[in-house]
Amino acid sequence: MRTLTRIFIIALFSIIIMDASGQNVGFKVASSWTNAKLTPSDDGLDRKAQVAPKLGFIFEMPVYKGLFLQTGLYASLSGYRYKDTVSFTNDEGSTYDIESKNKYILLYLDLPVNFGYKHAVSDELSIFGMAGPVFRYLTYSTYAYQINGEWDNESTDFGEGDDKVEFFNKFDIGLNIEAGVQYDRFEFSIYYMPSFSNIMSDDIQKLAESGASWKNYSFGVGFAVLLGDIKKGK
């Protein structure tokens, strides 16, 4: 965990240094379909992907003849949704079932470090591809549910004080694979981002079955606008 913290701090300072060096700076917004791979997965729940926005700034440094390095700082959501059946017993002792809608919502701060290549089709149009690690820090998580048409939510952690148990680890590492086109200062792309880390905390893994894990993954579309003068590799 200390190693991940150091990596996160180093990447953050790298962004600051790159920003001062005169590379392309832009704003990016994306919409993704995010889900989770859980082990074991035999709980009978029909998990579905949920739409999750991502927005932030990108910092792109042309390196040499189409090669570039792109990093940034995003706020992004992860999680999944599912439907379940909740049983209730009324005062007369009769039992009835109500369908519930459920969501896990995780808010991350993402630091991607992508290495890529752009091929110029014309003076204004280029196609590009890039890939690289994504370092993620969990800032907030909640479990939301809807019963009888009313939404409510609760913390994913439980217990208080010294007995408090956090459900998720704070750090996650993933891989971003992205391709798209750039026209003038506008970038359009599609991406896939699987995570490598099991984000279930050690405490939860001790309470759960052996080998229990939760790994995020998402795919989506992105749109970015580069600001100022557009710089190209030599």
Protein backbone atom coordinates (compact mmCIF):
# COMPACT_ATOMS: atom_id res chain seq x y z
CA MET A 1 0.00 0.00 0.00
CA ARG A 2 2.89 2.39 0.73
CA THR A 3 4.28 1.67 -2.72
CA LEU A 4 0.96 2.66 -4.33
CA THR A 5 0.93 5.87 -2.28
CA ARG A 6 4.42 6.78 -3.52
CA ILE A 7 3.41 6.03 -7.12
CA PHE A 8 0.34 8.25 -6.77
CA ILE A 9 2.38 11.17 -5.35
CA ILE A 10 5.09 10.82 -8.01
CA ALA A 11 2.49 10.77 -10.80
CA LEU A 12 0.81 13.88 -9.37
CA PHE A 13 4.09 15.81 -9.31
CA SER A 14 4.80 14.61 -12.86
CA ILE A 15 1.57 16.24 -14.04
CA ILE A 16 2.55 19.54 -12.42
CA ILE A 17 6.01 19.45 -14.02
CA MET A 18 4.61 18.54 -17.45
CA ASP A 19 2.07 21.35 -17.25
CA ALA A 20 4.91 23.82 -16.78
CA SER A 21 6.84 22.41 -19.77
CA GLY A 22 4.41 23.63 -22.45
CA GLN A 23 2.63 20.49 -23.60
CA ASN A 24 -0.99 20.32 -24.77
CA VAL A 25 -3.53 20.80 -22.01
CA GLY A 26 -7.19 19.95 -22.45
CA PHE A 27 -10.50 19.10 -20.85
CA LYS A 28 -12.01 15.64 -21.23
CA VAL A 29 -15.46 14.22 -20.56
CA ALA A 30 -16.44 10.58 -21.04
CA SER A 31 -19.35 8.25 -20.49
CA SER A 32 -18.64 4.64 -19.61
CA TRP A 33 -20.44 1.41 -18.84
CA THR A 34 -18.92 0.13 -15.63
CA ASN A 35 -19.28 -3.23 -13.95
CA ALA A 36 -17.38 -5.51 -11.58
CA LYS A 37 -16.01 -9.03 -11.75
CA LEU A 38 -16.74 -10.75 -8.44
CA THR A 39 -15.36 -14.05 -7.17
CA PRO A 40 -17.12 -16.24 -6.22
CA SER A 41 -19.98 -15.25 -8.54
CA ASP A 42 -22.57 -17.89 -7.65
CA ASP A 43 -24.78 -15.64 -5.50
CA GLY A 44 -27.59 -15.70 -8.07
CA LEU A 45 -27.54 -11.93 -8.68
CA ASP A 46 -28.01 -10.69 -12.23
CA ARG A 47 -25.41 -7.93 -12.29
CA LYS A 48 -25.71 -5.20 -14.92
CA ALA A 49 -23.37 -2.47 -16.07
CA GLN A 50 -24.35 1.07 -15.16
CA VAL A 51 -23.66 4.32 -16.97
CA ALA A 52 -20.90 6.27 -15.24
CA PRO A 53 -19.48 9.69 -16.19
CA LYS A 54 -15.81 10.62 -16.15
CA LEU A 55 -14.45 14.14 -16.41
CA GLY A 56 -11.19 15.97 -15.83
CA PHE A 57 -8.10 17.43 -17.47
CA ILE A 58 -5.58 15.84 -19.81
CA PHE A 59 -1.93 16.76 -20.30
CA GLU A 60 -0.45 15.60 -23.60
CA MET A 61 3.22 15.86 -24.47
CA PRO A 62 4.35 15.26 -28.07
CA VAL A 63 7.59 13.28 -28.00
CA TYR A 64 8.87 12.40 -31.48
CA LYS A 65 7.25 11.88 -34.90
CA GLY A 66 3.76 11.03 -33.69
CA LEU A 67 4.76 9.49 -30.37
CA PHE A 68 3.23 11.14 -27.33
CA LEU A 69 2.70 10.80 -23.60
CA GLN A 70 -0.72 11.63 -22.17
CA THR A 71 -1.62 11.83 -18.51
CA GLY A 72 -4.28 13.72 -16.58
CA LEU A 73 -6.48 13.85 -13.55
CA TYR A 74 -10.08 12.57 -13.66
CA ALA A 75 -13.02 12.08 -11.36
CA SER A 76 -14.73 8.84 -12.37
CA LEU A 77 -17.38 6.42 -11.14
CA SER A 78 -17.27 2.63 -10.87
CA GLY A 79 -19.66 -0.01 -9.58
CA TYR A 80 -22.59 -2.06 -10.83
CA ARG A 81 -26.36 -2.46 -10.43
CA TYR A 82 -28.65 -5.40 -9.89
CA LYS A 83 -32.22 -6.30 -8.99
CA ASP A 84 -33.16 -8.43 -6.02
CA THR A 85 -36.26 -9.60 -4.18
CA VAL A 86 -36.91 -8.50 -0.59
CA SER A 87 -39.36 -10.45 1.60
CA PHE A 88 -41.60 -8.65 4.10
CA THR A 89 -44.00 -9.96 6.74
CA ASN A 90 -47.05 -7.85 7.63
CA ASP A 91 -48.85 -7.62 10.98
CA GLU A 92 -51.13 -10.52 10.04
CA GLY A 93 -48.13 -12.77 9.46
CA SER A 94 -48.45 -12.88 5.68
CA THR A 95 -45.22 -12.76 3.70
CA TYR A 96 -44.89 -10.94 0.41
CA ASP A 97 -42.00 -10.10 -1.92
CA ILE A 98 -40.99 -6.71 -3.31
CA GLU A 99 -38.44 -6.21 -6.07
CA SER A 100 -35.58 -3.89 -5.15
CA LYS A 101 -33.13 -1.99 -7.36
CA ASN A 102 -29.60 -1.83 -6.02
CA LYS A 103 -26.39 0.01 -6.92
CA TYR A 104 -22.82 0.14 -5.69
CA ILE A 105 -21.35 3.56 -6.49
CA LEU A 106 -17.61 4.21 -6.13
CA LEU A 107 -16.07 7.63 -6.81
CA TYR A 108 -12.41 7.56 -7.84
CA LEU A 109 -9.67 10.06 -8.58
CA ASP A 110 -7.81 8.65 -11.60
CA LEU A 111 -4.24 9.28 -12.72
CA PRO A 112 -3.64 7.68 -16.16
CA VAL A 113 -0.19 7.47 -17.75
CA ASN A 114 -0.73 6.64 -21.43
CA PHE A 115 1.87 6.13 -24.14
CA GLY A 116 0.59 6.48 -27.68
CA TYR A 117 1.07 7.18 -31.35
CA LYS A 118 -0.75 9.57 -33.72
CA HIS A 119 -0.84 9.14 -37.47
CA ALA A 120 -1.61 12.29 -39.47
CA VAL A 121 -4.20 11.67 -42.19
CA SER A 122 -4.26 15.36 -43.15
CA ASP A 123 -3.16 18.66 -41.64
CA GLU A 124 -6.13 18.65 -39.27
CA LEU A 125 -7.11 14.97 -39.00
CA SER A 126 -5.19 12.27 -37.12
CA ILE A 127 -5.92 8.80 -35.81
CA PHE A 128 -4.33 7.63 -32.57
CA GLY A 129 -3.99 4.76 -30.16
CA MET A 130 -2.61 4.68 -26.64
CA ALA A 131 -2.33 2.45 -23.60
CA GLY A 132 -0.94 2.62 -20.10
CA PRO A 133 -1.56 2.14 -16.39
CA VAL A 134 -4.23 3.98 -14.43
CA PHE A 135 -3.64 4.70 -10.74
CA ARG A 136 -6.93 5.15 -8.86
CA TYR A 137 -7.74 6.50 -5.40
CA LEU A 138 -11.17 5.83 -3.89
CA THR A 139 -12.65 9.01 -2.37
CA TYR A 140 -16.23 7.86 -1.67
CA SER A 141 -18.39 4.74 -1.85
CA THR A 142 -22.03 4.00 -1.11
CA TYR A 143 -24.65 1.31 -1.50
CA ALA A 144 -27.94 2.69 -2.89
CA TYR A 145 -31.25 0.84 -3.07
CA GLN A 146 -34.83 1.50 -4.17
CA ILE A 147 -37.81 -0.17 -2.48
CA ASN A 148 -41.42 0.87 -3.18
CA GLY A 149 -40.19 3.62 -5.49
CA GLU A 150 -38.05 5.38 -2.87
CA TRP A 151 -34.27 5.56 -3.08
CA ASP A 152 -32.05 5.42 -0.02
CA ASN A 153 -28.37 4.74 0.55
CA GLU A 154 -25.96 3.67 3.24
CA SER A 155 -22.22 3.49 3.77
CA THR A 156 -20.32 0.48 2.47
CA ASP A 157 -18.31 0.48 5.73
CA PHE A 158 -19.71 -0.88 8.96
CA GLY A 159 -18.87 -0.68 12.65
CA GLU A 160 -17.54 2.32 14.59
CA GLY A 161 -14.28 3.40 16.18
CA ASP A 162 -11.67 0.67 16.50
CA ASP A 163 -14.24 -1.85 15.27
CA LYS A 164 -14.90 -0.03 12.00
CA VAL A 165 -14.41 -2.21 8.93
CA GLU A 166 -13.87 -0.68 5.49
CA PHE A 167 -15.30 -2.69 2.62
CA PHE A 168 -12.96 -1.36 -0.08
CA ASN A 169 -9.25 -0.66 -0.39
CA LYS A 170 -8.43 2.94 -1.21
CA PHE A 171 -6.08 2.21 -4.11
CA ASP A 172 -6.71 0.42 -7.39
CA ILE A 173 -4.57 -0.10 -10.51
CA GLY A 174 -5.99 -0.62 -13.97
CA LEU A 175 -4.99 -0.58 -17.63
CA ASN A 176 -6.37 1.92 -20.14
CA ILE A 177 -6.56 0.86 -23.80
CA GLU A 178 -7.84 3.67 -26.03
CA ALA A 179 -8.15 4.56 -29.72
CA GLY A 180 -9.72 7.45 -31.57
CA VAL A 181 -9.47 10.36 -33.96
CA GLN A 182 -8.34 13.95 -33.51
CA TYR A 183 -9.73 16.73 -35.67
CA ASP A 184 -8.00 20.05 -35.09
CA ARG A 185 -8.21 20.40 -31.28
CA PHE A 186 -11.04 17.88 -30.75
CA GLU A 187 -10.46 14.24 -29.79
CA PHE A 188 -13.05 11.45 -29.99
CA SER A 189 -12.15 8.04 -28.59
CA ILE A 190 -13.32 4.66 -27.32
CA TYR A 191 -11.61 2.88 -24.45
CA TYR A 192 -11.56 -0.25 -22.32
CA MET A 193 -10.23 -0.19 -18.76
CA PRO A 194 -9.93 -3.40 -16.72
CA SER A 195 -8.51 -3.26 -13.19
CA PHE A 196 -5.90 -5.65 -11.84
CA SER A 197 -6.41 -5.07 -8.12
CA ASN A 198 -8.79 -6.84 -5.78
CA ILE A 199 -10.41 -3.83 -4.11
CA MET A 200 -12.00 -5.83 -1.28
CA SER A 201 -10.25 -4.87 1.95
CA ASP A 202 -8.24 -7.43 3.92
CA ASP A 203 -10.86 -7.36 6.69
CA ILE A 204 -13.65 -8.23 4.26
CA GLN A 205 -11.61 -10.99 2.68
CA LYS A 206 -11.14 -12.55 6.12
CA LEU A 207 -14.90 -12.48 6.69
CA ALA A 208 -15.77 -13.68 3.19
CA GLU A 209 -15.10 -16.97 1.49
CA SER A 210 -11.55 -17.88 0.57
CA GLY A 211 -10.53 -16.25 -2.70
CA ALA A 212 -13.24 -13.57 -2.62
CA SER A 213 -12.41 -10.65 -4.91
CA TRP A 214 -13.89 -7.58 -6.62
CA LYS A 215 -12.26 -6.17 -9.75
CA ASN A 216 -13.64 -3.15 -11.60
CA TYR A 217 -13.83 -2.87 -15.37
CA SER A 218 -15.39 -0.40 -17.78
CA PHE A 219 -15.62 0.56 -21.43
CA GLY A 220 -16.84 3.80 -22.90
CA VAL A 221 -16.52 6.77 -25.22
CA GLY A 222 -14.64 9.99 -24.61
CA PHE A 223 -14.51 13.53 -25.93
CA ALA A 224 -11.64 15.94 -25.28
CA VAL A 225 -10.84 19.52 -26.25
CA LEU A 226 -7.20 20.62 -26.35
CA LEU A 227 -6.72 24.22 -25.28
CA GLY A 228 -4.35 26.90 -26.60
CA ASP A 229 -1.84 26.30 -29.39
CA ILE A 230 -1.73 22.67 -30.51
CA LYS A 231 1.84 21.35 -30.27
CA LYS A 232 3.02 18.44 -32.41
CA GLY A 233 6.04 16.17 -32.16
CA LYS A 234 9.07 16.93 -34.26
